[in-house]
């Protein structure tokens, strides 16, 4: 393993502190913890569907995978619970600006200031994802899920029904 990809003690301390803070002072709308107590770089997250949204009442499991270079590089986030959203890939990977590396966007969709900054925390990431799910009309300009984006543009009623059905199913599965 090269020196640059070896986790640094300061990274572990930062992640441990963020985990401790979220445990001691939980934030409404989500919970987070380690997938395995021996690995600070893999977190399991449960996002509760935001009130007054299509996702209300749902329980959505996701994973945050932190790179050894964290906080210089962002984690990757992937929903395990099936999702239907223009900014979430069909395999569950989340596509939001703050999870994109801190470099210029080659396509010109994002300013560098919208992308990952080392000051972001697990809390700020999850609040951004909750905000994404709370949006009445999702951004379809540069979709991760082209089919969901097309449905938002051409049949918003069908899109909303599909999302509500997924939210209901996620709630049922959470209590099985």
N, C-alpha and C. Protein backbone atom coordinates (compact mmCIF):
# COMPACT_ATOMS: atom_id res chain seq x y z
N UNK A 1 0.86 -1.18 0.00
CA UNK A 1 0.00 0.00 0.00
C UNK A 1 0.89 1.23 0.00
N UNK A 2 0.64 2.15 -0.88
CA UNK A 2 1.46 3.36 -0.93
C UNK A 2 1.17 4.25 0.27
N UNK A 3 2.12 5.10 0.56
CA UNK A 3 1.98 5.98 1.72
C UNK A 3 0.71 6.84 1.63
N UNK A 4 0.37 7.30 0.41
CA UNK A 4 -0.78 8.19 0.27
C UNK A 4 -2.11 7.47 0.50
N UNK A 5 -2.14 6.13 0.34
CA UNK A 5 -3.40 5.44 0.54
C UNK A 5 -3.48 4.73 1.89
N UNK A 6 -2.51 4.97 2.74
CA UNK A 6 -2.54 4.40 4.08
C UNK A 6 -3.32 5.33 5.00
N UNK A 7 -4.32 4.78 5.70
CA UNK A 7 -5.06 5.64 6.63
C UNK A 7 -4.12 6.29 7.64
N UNK A 8 -4.33 7.56 7.89
CA UNK A 8 -3.51 8.29 8.83
C UNK A 8 -4.20 8.35 10.18
N UNK A 9 -3.43 8.35 11.27
CA UNK A 9 -4.05 8.42 12.60
C UNK A 9 -4.99 9.61 12.76
N UNK A 10 -4.65 10.75 12.14
CA UNK A 10 -5.52 11.93 12.27
C UNK A 10 -6.87 11.68 11.61
N UNK A 11 -6.90 10.90 10.51
CA UNK A 11 -8.17 10.56 9.85
C UNK A 11 -9.04 9.73 10.80
N UNK A 12 -8.41 8.76 11.44
CA UNK A 12 -9.13 7.91 12.38
C UNK A 12 -9.68 8.72 13.53
N UNK A 13 -8.87 9.63 14.03
CA UNK A 13 -9.33 10.48 15.14
C UNK A 13 -10.51 11.34 14.72
N UNK A 14 -10.43 11.90 13.53
CA UNK A 14 -11.53 12.74 13.03
C UNK A 14 -12.81 11.93 12.88
N UNK A 15 -12.72 10.74 12.29
CA UNK A 15 -13.91 9.90 12.12
C UNK A 15 -14.45 9.44 13.47
N UNK A 16 -13.55 9.08 14.38
CA UNK A 16 -13.97 8.65 15.72
C UNK A 16 -14.70 9.78 16.44
N UNK A 17 -14.19 11.01 16.30
CA UNK A 17 -14.81 12.16 16.95
C UNK A 17 -16.20 12.43 16.35
N UNK A 18 -16.31 12.34 15.02
CA UNK A 18 -17.61 12.57 14.38
C UNK A 18 -18.63 11.50 14.80
N UNK A 19 -18.18 10.26 14.89
CA UNK A 19 -19.06 9.18 15.33
C UNK A 19 -19.50 9.43 16.77
N UNK A 20 -18.56 9.79 17.62
CA UNK A 20 -18.86 10.09 19.03
C UNK A 20 -19.87 11.23 19.14
N UNK A 21 -19.64 12.30 18.38
CA UNK A 21 -20.56 13.45 18.43
C UNK A 21 -21.97 13.06 17.99
N UNK A 22 -22.08 12.26 16.92
CA UNK A 22 -23.41 11.85 16.44
C UNK A 22 -24.09 10.90 17.42
N UNK A 23 -23.30 10.13 18.15
CA UNK A 23 -23.86 9.23 19.16
C UNK A 23 -24.35 10.01 20.38
N UNK A 24 -23.54 10.98 20.81
CA UNK A 24 -23.89 11.76 22.00
C UNK A 24 -24.97 12.81 21.72
N UNK A 25 -24.94 13.37 20.51
CA UNK A 25 -25.91 14.40 20.12
C UNK A 25 -26.53 14.02 18.78
N UNK A 26 -27.47 13.07 18.80
CA UNK A 26 -28.07 12.62 17.54
C UNK A 26 -28.76 13.77 16.81
N UNK A 27 -28.75 13.69 15.50
CA UNK A 27 -29.40 14.69 14.65
C UNK A 27 -30.69 14.07 14.13
N UNK A 28 -31.77 14.83 14.21
CA UNK A 28 -33.06 14.33 13.74
C UNK A 28 -33.00 14.00 12.26
N UNK A 29 -33.55 12.85 11.91
CA UNK A 29 -33.64 12.48 10.50
C UNK A 29 -32.72 11.35 10.08
N UNK A 30 -31.73 11.04 10.90
CA UNK A 30 -30.84 9.93 10.54
C UNK A 30 -30.12 9.40 11.76
N UNK A 31 -29.59 8.20 11.60
CA UNK A 31 -28.68 7.64 12.60
C UNK A 31 -27.51 7.04 11.83
N UNK A 32 -26.37 6.96 12.48
CA UNK A 32 -25.17 6.46 11.83
C UNK A 32 -24.34 5.67 12.82
N UNK A 33 -23.69 4.66 12.33
CA UNK A 33 -22.80 3.85 13.15
C UNK A 33 -21.87 3.05 12.26
N UNK A 34 -20.96 2.35 12.87
CA UNK A 34 -19.99 1.55 12.11
C UNK A 34 -20.63 0.25 11.65
N UNK A 35 -20.25 -0.20 10.46
CA UNK A 35 -20.67 -1.50 9.96
C UNK A 35 -20.00 -2.57 10.82
N UNK A 36 -18.72 -2.34 11.12
CA UNK A 36 -17.91 -3.27 11.91
C UNK A 36 -17.08 -2.43 12.88
N UNK A 37 -17.12 -2.77 14.15
CA UNK A 37 -16.42 -1.98 15.17
C UNK A 37 -14.92 -1.83 14.92
N UNK A 38 -14.35 -2.69 14.10
CA UNK A 38 -12.91 -2.64 13.84
C UNK A 38 -12.57 -1.80 12.61
N UNK A 39 -13.56 -1.18 11.98
CA UNK A 39 -13.30 -0.43 10.75
C UNK A 39 -14.02 0.92 10.79
N UNK A 40 -13.26 1.97 11.08
CA UNK A 40 -13.83 3.32 11.12
C UNK A 40 -14.17 3.87 9.74
N UNK A 41 -13.78 3.18 8.68
CA UNK A 41 -13.93 3.71 7.33
C UNK A 41 -15.19 3.22 6.61
N UNK A 42 -15.99 2.38 7.28
CA UNK A 42 -17.26 1.90 6.71
C UNK A 42 -18.38 2.16 7.71
N UNK A 43 -19.31 3.03 7.34
CA UNK A 43 -20.42 3.39 8.21
C UNK A 43 -21.73 2.93 7.60
N UNK A 44 -22.64 2.54 8.48
CA UNK A 44 -24.00 2.25 8.06
C UNK A 44 -24.86 3.41 8.52
N UNK A 45 -25.75 3.84 7.65
CA UNK A 45 -26.59 4.99 7.93
C UNK A 45 -28.04 4.60 7.73
N UNK A 46 -28.90 5.15 8.57
CA UNK A 46 -30.35 4.98 8.38
C UNK A 46 -30.93 6.38 8.27
N UNK A 47 -31.51 6.68 7.12
CA UNK A 47 -32.16 7.97 6.92
C UNK A 47 -33.66 7.75 7.03
N UNK A 48 -34.27 8.56 7.85
CA UNK A 48 -35.72 8.51 8.02
C UNK A 48 -36.33 9.48 7.02
N UNK A 49 -37.28 8.99 6.24
CA UNK A 49 -37.90 9.84 5.22
C UNK A 49 -38.38 11.15 5.81
N UNK A 50 -37.93 12.26 5.24
CA UNK A 50 -38.30 13.58 5.78
C UNK A 50 -39.81 13.81 5.76
N UNK A 51 -40.34 14.43 6.82
CA UNK A 51 -41.79 14.73 6.87
C UNK A 51 -42.21 15.62 5.70
N UNK A 52 -43.44 15.45 5.28
CA UNK A 52 -44.03 16.26 4.20
C UNK A 52 -43.28 16.13 2.88
N UNK A 53 -42.69 14.96 2.64
CA UNK A 53 -42.04 14.67 1.36
C UNK A 53 -42.56 13.34 0.85
N UNK A 54 -42.21 13.00 -0.37
CA UNK A 54 -42.58 11.70 -0.94
C UNK A 54 -41.97 10.55 -0.14
N UNK A 55 -40.88 10.81 0.54
CA UNK A 55 -40.14 9.78 1.28
C UNK A 55 -40.61 9.62 2.73
N UNK A 56 -41.58 10.44 3.14
CA UNK A 56 -42.06 10.42 4.53
C UNK A 56 -42.47 9.01 4.93
N UNK A 57 -42.04 8.63 6.14
CA UNK A 57 -42.38 7.32 6.68
C UNK A 57 -41.45 6.21 6.27
N UNK A 58 -40.55 6.50 5.34
CA UNK A 58 -39.61 5.47 4.89
C UNK A 58 -38.37 5.39 5.77
N UNK A 59 -37.72 4.24 5.72
CA UNK A 59 -36.44 4.02 6.42
C UNK A 59 -35.46 3.52 5.38
N UNK A 60 -34.44 4.33 5.10
CA UNK A 60 -33.55 4.08 3.99
C UNK A 60 -32.13 3.81 4.48
N UNK A 61 -31.68 2.58 4.27
CA UNK A 61 -30.32 2.20 4.68
C UNK A 61 -29.33 2.61 3.62
N UNK A 62 -28.17 3.07 4.09
CA UNK A 62 -27.10 3.45 3.17
C UNK A 62 -25.76 3.13 3.81
N UNK A 63 -24.72 3.18 3.00
CA UNK A 63 -23.35 2.99 3.47
C UNK A 63 -22.53 4.21 3.08
N UNK A 64 -21.68 4.61 4.00
CA UNK A 64 -20.66 5.63 3.72
C UNK A 64 -19.32 4.93 3.78
N UNK A 65 -18.54 5.04 2.71
CA UNK A 65 -17.20 4.44 2.64
C UNK A 65 -16.19 5.57 2.53
N UNK A 66 -15.35 5.70 3.55
CA UNK A 66 -14.38 6.78 3.60
C UNK A 66 -13.05 6.34 3.01
N UNK A 67 -12.45 7.17 2.17
CA UNK A 67 -11.15 6.82 1.60
C UNK A 67 -10.04 7.06 2.64
N UNK A 68 -8.89 6.44 2.47
CA UNK A 68 -7.78 6.69 3.39
C UNK A 68 -7.37 8.17 3.43
N UNK A 69 -7.65 8.90 2.35
CA UNK A 69 -7.28 10.31 2.27
C UNK A 69 -8.29 11.25 2.92
N UNK A 70 -9.35 10.69 3.51
CA UNK A 70 -10.34 11.53 4.19
C UNK A 70 -9.64 12.34 5.28
N UNK A 71 -9.89 13.62 5.45
CA UNK A 71 -10.96 14.44 4.88
C UNK A 71 -10.57 15.21 3.61
N UNK A 72 -9.40 14.90 3.05
CA UNK A 72 -9.02 15.61 1.82
C UNK A 72 -9.88 15.17 0.64
N UNK A 73 -10.34 13.93 0.66
CA UNK A 73 -11.25 13.42 -0.37
C UNK A 73 -12.55 12.98 0.29
N UNK A 74 -13.66 13.05 -0.44
CA UNK A 74 -14.96 12.73 0.14
C UNK A 74 -15.18 11.22 0.26
N UNK A 75 -16.11 10.85 1.14
CA UNK A 75 -16.54 9.45 1.16
C UNK A 75 -17.45 9.18 -0.04
N UNK A 76 -17.74 7.92 -0.26
CA UNK A 76 -18.75 7.53 -1.24
C UNK A 76 -19.96 7.09 -0.44
N UNK A 77 -21.13 7.39 -0.97
CA UNK A 77 -22.37 7.00 -0.29
C UNK A 77 -23.21 6.20 -1.26
N UNK A 78 -23.74 5.08 -0.74
CA UNK A 78 -24.59 4.23 -1.57
C UNK A 78 -25.77 3.75 -0.74
N UNK A 79 -26.97 3.95 -1.27
CA UNK A 79 -28.17 3.43 -0.62
C UNK A 79 -28.23 1.92 -0.84
N UNK A 80 -28.56 1.21 0.21
CA UNK A 80 -28.79 -0.23 0.14
C UNK A 80 -30.27 -0.46 -0.14
N UNK A 81 -31.10 0.37 0.47
CA UNK A 81 -32.54 0.33 0.22
C UNK A 81 -32.78 0.82 -1.21
N UNK A 82 -33.62 0.14 -1.98
CA UNK A 82 -33.91 0.61 -3.34
C UNK A 82 -34.44 2.05 -3.33
N UNK A 83 -33.91 2.86 -4.25
CA UNK A 83 -34.30 4.27 -4.36
C UNK A 83 -34.67 4.58 -5.80
N UNK A 84 -35.53 5.58 -5.97
CA UNK A 84 -35.91 6.06 -7.30
C UNK A 84 -35.81 7.58 -7.26
N UNK A 85 -34.69 8.08 -7.78
CA UNK A 85 -34.42 9.52 -7.72
C UNK A 85 -33.42 9.86 -8.83
N UNK A 86 -33.61 10.99 -9.51
CA UNK A 86 -32.69 11.36 -10.59
C UNK A 86 -31.23 11.50 -10.15
N UNK A 87 -30.99 11.79 -8.88
CA UNK A 87 -29.62 12.02 -8.42
C UNK A 87 -29.05 10.84 -7.63
N UNK A 88 -29.71 9.68 -7.76
CA UNK A 88 -29.22 8.45 -7.14
C UNK A 88 -29.15 7.40 -8.25
N UNK A 89 -27.94 6.89 -8.49
CA UNK A 89 -27.75 5.89 -9.54
C UNK A 89 -28.61 4.65 -9.25
N UNK A 90 -28.95 3.90 -10.29
CA UNK A 90 -29.75 2.68 -10.08
C UNK A 90 -29.11 1.70 -9.07
N UNK A 91 -27.78 1.72 -8.94
CA UNK A 91 -27.13 0.82 -7.96
C UNK A 91 -27.08 1.43 -6.56
N UNK A 92 -27.69 2.63 -6.38
CA UNK A 92 -27.78 3.25 -5.06
C UNK A 92 -26.75 4.32 -4.77
N UNK A 93 -25.74 4.48 -5.63
CA UNK A 93 -24.73 5.51 -5.37
C UNK A 93 -25.37 6.89 -5.45
N UNK A 94 -24.99 7.74 -4.48
CA UNK A 94 -25.55 9.08 -4.39
C UNK A 94 -24.67 10.04 -5.19
N UNK A 95 -25.33 10.87 -5.99
CA UNK A 95 -24.62 11.85 -6.80
C UNK A 95 -25.05 13.25 -6.37
N UNK A 96 -24.29 13.81 -5.42
CA UNK A 96 -24.52 15.19 -5.01
C UNK A 96 -23.18 15.90 -5.01
N UNK A 97 -23.23 17.19 -5.20
CA UNK A 97 -22.01 17.99 -5.37
C UNK A 97 -21.00 17.80 -4.25
N UNK A 98 -21.44 17.81 -2.99
CA UNK A 98 -20.45 17.77 -1.91
C UNK A 98 -19.74 16.42 -1.81
N UNK A 99 -20.21 15.41 -2.53
CA UNK A 99 -19.51 14.12 -2.55
C UNK A 99 -18.60 13.99 -3.77
N UNK A 100 -18.48 15.06 -4.55
CA UNK A 100 -17.58 15.04 -5.70
C UNK A 100 -16.22 15.60 -5.28
N UNK A 101 -15.13 15.00 -5.76
CA UNK A 101 -13.79 15.45 -5.36
C UNK A 101 -13.58 16.95 -5.61
N UNK A 102 -12.70 17.55 -4.82
CA UNK A 102 -12.46 19.01 -4.92
C UNK A 102 -11.61 19.38 -6.13
N UNK A 103 -12.20 19.30 -7.28
CA UNK A 103 -11.52 19.68 -8.51
C UNK A 103 -12.52 20.35 -9.42
N UNK A 104 -12.06 20.92 -10.50
CA UNK A 104 -12.99 21.57 -11.42
C UNK A 104 -13.86 20.52 -12.11
N UNK A 105 -15.13 20.84 -12.29
CA UNK A 105 -16.07 19.96 -12.97
C UNK A 105 -15.82 20.07 -14.46
N UNK A 106 -15.40 18.96 -15.07
CA UNK A 106 -15.09 18.99 -16.50
C UNK A 106 -16.30 19.29 -17.38
N UNK A 107 -17.51 19.09 -16.84
CA UNK A 107 -18.72 19.35 -17.62
C UNK A 107 -19.33 20.72 -17.34
N UNK A 108 -18.82 21.42 -16.34
CA UNK A 108 -19.29 22.76 -16.04
C UNK A 108 -20.60 22.85 -15.29
N UNK A 109 -21.05 21.75 -14.67
CA UNK A 109 -22.31 21.79 -13.92
C UNK A 109 -22.15 22.36 -12.51
N UNK A 110 -20.93 22.21 -11.94
CA UNK A 110 -20.73 22.61 -10.55
C UNK A 110 -19.55 23.55 -10.43
N UNK A 111 -19.67 24.51 -9.53
CA UNK A 111 -18.54 25.33 -9.16
C UNK A 111 -17.69 24.54 -8.17
N UNK A 112 -16.41 24.85 -8.11
CA UNK A 112 -15.52 24.18 -7.16
C UNK A 112 -16.03 24.35 -5.73
N UNK A 113 -16.66 25.49 -5.44
CA UNK A 113 -17.15 25.75 -4.08
C UNK A 113 -18.32 24.85 -3.69
N UNK A 114 -18.98 24.22 -4.68
CA UNK A 114 -20.10 23.33 -4.39
C UNK A 114 -19.63 21.90 -4.10
N UNK A 115 -18.39 21.62 -4.44
CA UNK A 115 -17.86 20.26 -4.33
C UNK A 115 -17.28 20.03 -2.93
N UNK A 116 -16.70 18.87 -2.73
CA UNK A 116 -16.17 18.47 -1.43
C UNK A 116 -15.16 19.46 -0.90
N UNK A 117 -15.31 19.77 0.37
CA UNK A 117 -14.35 20.57 1.12
C UNK A 117 -14.04 19.80 2.40
N UNK A 118 -12.80 19.81 2.87
CA UNK A 118 -12.45 19.05 4.08
C UNK A 118 -13.22 19.45 5.34
N UNK A 119 -13.91 20.58 5.31
CA UNK A 119 -14.70 20.99 6.48
C UNK A 119 -16.02 20.23 6.58
N UNK A 120 -16.42 19.53 5.51
CA UNK A 120 -17.67 18.77 5.56
C UNK A 120 -17.53 17.62 6.55
N UNK A 121 -18.66 17.28 7.15
CA UNK A 121 -18.70 16.21 8.14
C UNK A 121 -19.76 15.19 7.71
N UNK A 122 -19.81 14.08 8.43
CA UNK A 122 -20.86 13.11 8.17
C UNK A 122 -22.22 13.80 8.33
N UNK A 123 -22.34 14.63 9.34
CA UNK A 123 -23.60 15.35 9.55
C UNK A 123 -23.95 16.22 8.35
N UNK A 124 -23.00 16.99 7.84
CA UNK A 124 -23.32 17.88 6.71
C UNK A 124 -23.64 17.08 5.45
N UNK A 125 -22.99 15.92 5.28
CA UNK A 125 -23.31 15.06 4.13
C UNK A 125 -24.74 14.57 4.23
N UNK A 126 -25.10 14.04 5.39
CA UNK A 126 -26.43 13.45 5.55
C UNK A 126 -27.53 14.51 5.51
N UNK A 127 -27.25 15.69 6.00
CA UNK A 127 -28.22 16.78 5.88
C UNK A 127 -28.41 17.15 4.41
N UNK A 128 -27.34 17.13 3.64
CA UNK A 128 -27.44 17.39 2.19
C UNK A 128 -28.28 16.33 1.49
N UNK A 129 -28.10 15.07 1.90
CA UNK A 129 -28.88 13.99 1.29
C UNK A 129 -30.35 14.12 1.68
N UNK A 130 -30.62 14.45 2.92
CA UNK A 130 -32.01 14.67 3.35
C UNK A 130 -32.62 15.83 2.57
N UNK A 131 -31.84 16.88 2.35
CA UNK A 131 -32.31 18.02 1.55
C UNK A 131 -32.61 17.57 0.12
N UNK A 132 -31.76 16.72 -0.43
CA UNK A 132 -31.98 16.18 -1.78
C UNK A 132 -33.32 15.45 -1.84
N UNK A 133 -33.58 14.62 -0.83
CA UNK A 133 -34.83 13.85 -0.80
C UNK A 133 -36.04 14.74 -0.53
N UNK A 134 -35.81 15.88 0.09
CA UNK A 134 -36.90 16.79 0.45
C UNK A 134 -37.34 17.69 -0.70
N UNK A 135 -36.55 17.76 -1.73
CA UNK A 135 -36.85 18.65 -2.85
C UNK A 135 -38.13 18.21 -3.55
N UNK A 136 -39.03 19.15 -3.71
CA UNK A 136 -40.32 18.89 -4.37
C UNK A 136 -40.11 18.45 -5.82
N UNK A 137 -39.19 19.12 -6.51
CA UNK A 137 -38.88 18.77 -7.89
C UNK A 137 -37.38 18.51 -8.00
N UNK A 138 -36.98 17.25 -8.14
CA UNK A 138 -35.55 16.93 -8.20
C UNK A 138 -34.87 17.55 -9.42
N UNK A 139 -33.57 17.77 -9.27
CA UNK A 139 -32.76 18.31 -10.35
C UNK A 139 -32.57 17.23 -11.42
N UNK A 140 -32.97 17.53 -12.64
CA UNK A 140 -32.84 16.57 -13.73
C UNK A 140 -31.83 17.02 -14.78
N UNK A 141 -31.03 18.05 -14.47
CA UNK A 141 -30.08 18.59 -15.45
C UNK A 141 -28.95 17.63 -15.80
N UNK A 142 -28.38 16.97 -14.80
CA UNK A 142 -27.29 16.02 -15.05
C UNK A 142 -27.57 14.77 -14.22
N UNK A 143 -28.56 13.99 -14.64
CA UNK A 143 -29.04 12.90 -13.80
C UNK A 143 -28.08 11.72 -13.68
N UNK A 144 -28.11 11.10 -12.51
CA UNK A 144 -27.41 9.85 -12.28
C UNK A 144 -28.31 8.70 -12.73
N UNK A 145 -29.62 8.90 -12.56
CA UNK A 145 -30.60 7.91 -13.00
C UNK A 145 -31.43 8.56 -14.10
N UNK A 146 -31.06 8.28 -15.34
CA UNK A 146 -31.69 8.91 -16.50
C UNK A 146 -33.18 8.57 -16.57
N UNK A 147 -33.54 7.33 -16.24
CA UNK A 147 -34.95 6.93 -16.32
C UNK A 147 -35.80 7.68 -15.30
N UNK A 148 -35.28 7.84 -14.08
CA UNK A 148 -36.02 8.59 -13.06
C UNK A 148 -36.16 10.06 -13.49
N UNK A 149 -35.09 10.62 -14.06
CA UNK A 149 -35.15 12.02 -14.51
C UNK A 149 -36.16 12.18 -15.63
N UNK A 150 -36.18 11.23 -16.54
CA UNK A 150 -37.14 11.29 -17.65
C UNK A 150 -38.57 11.23 -17.10
N UNK A 151 -38.78 10.36 -16.11
CA UNK A 151 -40.12 10.23 -15.53
C UNK A 151 -40.54 11.51 -14.81
N UNK A 152 -39.59 12.17 -14.13
CA UNK A 152 -39.90 13.45 -13.47
C UNK A 152 -40.37 14.46 -14.52
N UNK A 153 -39.69 14.49 -15.66
CA UNK A 153 -40.02 15.47 -16.70
C UNK A 153 -41.30 15.13 -17.46
N UNK A 154 -41.58 13.83 -17.65
CA UNK A 154 -42.69 13.46 -18.53
C UNK A 154 -43.94 12.97 -17.80
N UNK A 155 -43.78 12.43 -16.58
CA UNK A 155 -44.93 11.90 -15.86
C UNK A 155 -44.67 11.99 -14.35
N UNK A 156 -44.73 13.21 -13.83
CA UNK A 156 -44.40 13.46 -12.42
C UNK A 156 -45.32 12.66 -11.50
N UNK A 157 -46.56 12.42 -11.90
CA UNK A 157 -47.50 11.64 -11.07
C UNK A 157 -47.00 10.21 -10.91
N UNK A 158 -46.56 9.59 -11.97
CA UNK A 158 -46.03 8.22 -11.90
C UNK A 158 -44.76 8.18 -11.06
N UNK A 159 -43.92 9.20 -11.22
CA UNK A 159 -42.69 9.29 -10.42
C UNK A 159 -43.03 9.33 -8.93
N UNK A 160 -43.96 10.19 -8.56
CA UNK A 160 -44.34 10.35 -7.16
C UNK A 160 -44.94 9.06 -6.59
N UNK A 161 -45.77 8.37 -7.38
CA UNK A 161 -46.35 7.10 -6.92
C UNK A 161 -45.25 6.07 -6.67
N UNK A 162 -44.29 6.00 -7.57
CA UNK A 162 -43.21 5.03 -7.42
C UNK A 162 -42.38 5.31 -6.17
N UNK A 163 -42.08 6.57 -5.91
CA UNK A 163 -41.29 6.94 -4.73
C UNK A 163 -42.08 6.62 -3.46
N UNK A 164 -43.35 6.96 -3.42
CA UNK A 164 -44.17 6.67 -2.22
C UNK A 164 -44.26 5.17 -1.98
N UNK A 165 -44.38 4.39 -3.06
CA UNK A 165 -44.44 2.93 -2.93
C UNK A 165 -43.11 2.40 -2.34
N UNK A 166 -41.98 2.92 -2.82
CA UNK A 166 -40.68 2.51 -2.27
C UNK A 166 -40.55 2.90 -0.79
N UNK A 167 -41.05 4.07 -0.44
CA UNK A 167 -40.99 4.51 0.96
C UNK A 167 -41.83 3.58 1.84
N UNK A 168 -43.02 3.22 1.39
CA UNK A 168 -43.86 2.29 2.15
C UNK A 168 -43.17 0.94 2.31
N UNK A 169 -42.61 0.44 1.22
CA UNK A 169 -41.94 -0.85 1.26
C UNK A 169 -40.74 -0.80 2.21
N UNK A 170 -40.01 0.30 2.19
CA UNK A 170 -38.83 0.41 3.07
C UNK A 170 -39.24 0.39 4.54
N UNK A 171 -40.39 0.98 4.85
CA UNK A 171 -40.89 0.99 6.23
C UNK A 171 -41.32 -0.41 6.64
N UNK A 172 -41.98 -1.12 5.73
CA UNK A 172 -42.39 -2.49 6.05
C UNK A 172 -41.19 -3.39 6.27
N UNK A 173 -40.17 -3.25 5.44
CA UNK A 173 -38.97 -4.09 5.54
C UNK A 173 -38.16 -3.75 6.79
N UNK A 174 -38.22 -2.50 7.22
CA UNK A 174 -37.45 -2.08 8.39
C UNK A 174 -37.97 -2.77 9.66
N UNK A 175 -39.23 -3.16 9.63
CA UNK A 175 -39.83 -3.77 10.82
C UNK A 175 -40.07 -5.27 10.67
N UNK A 176 -39.53 -5.86 9.60
CA UNK A 176 -39.64 -7.33 9.42
C UNK A 176 -38.66 -8.04 10.32
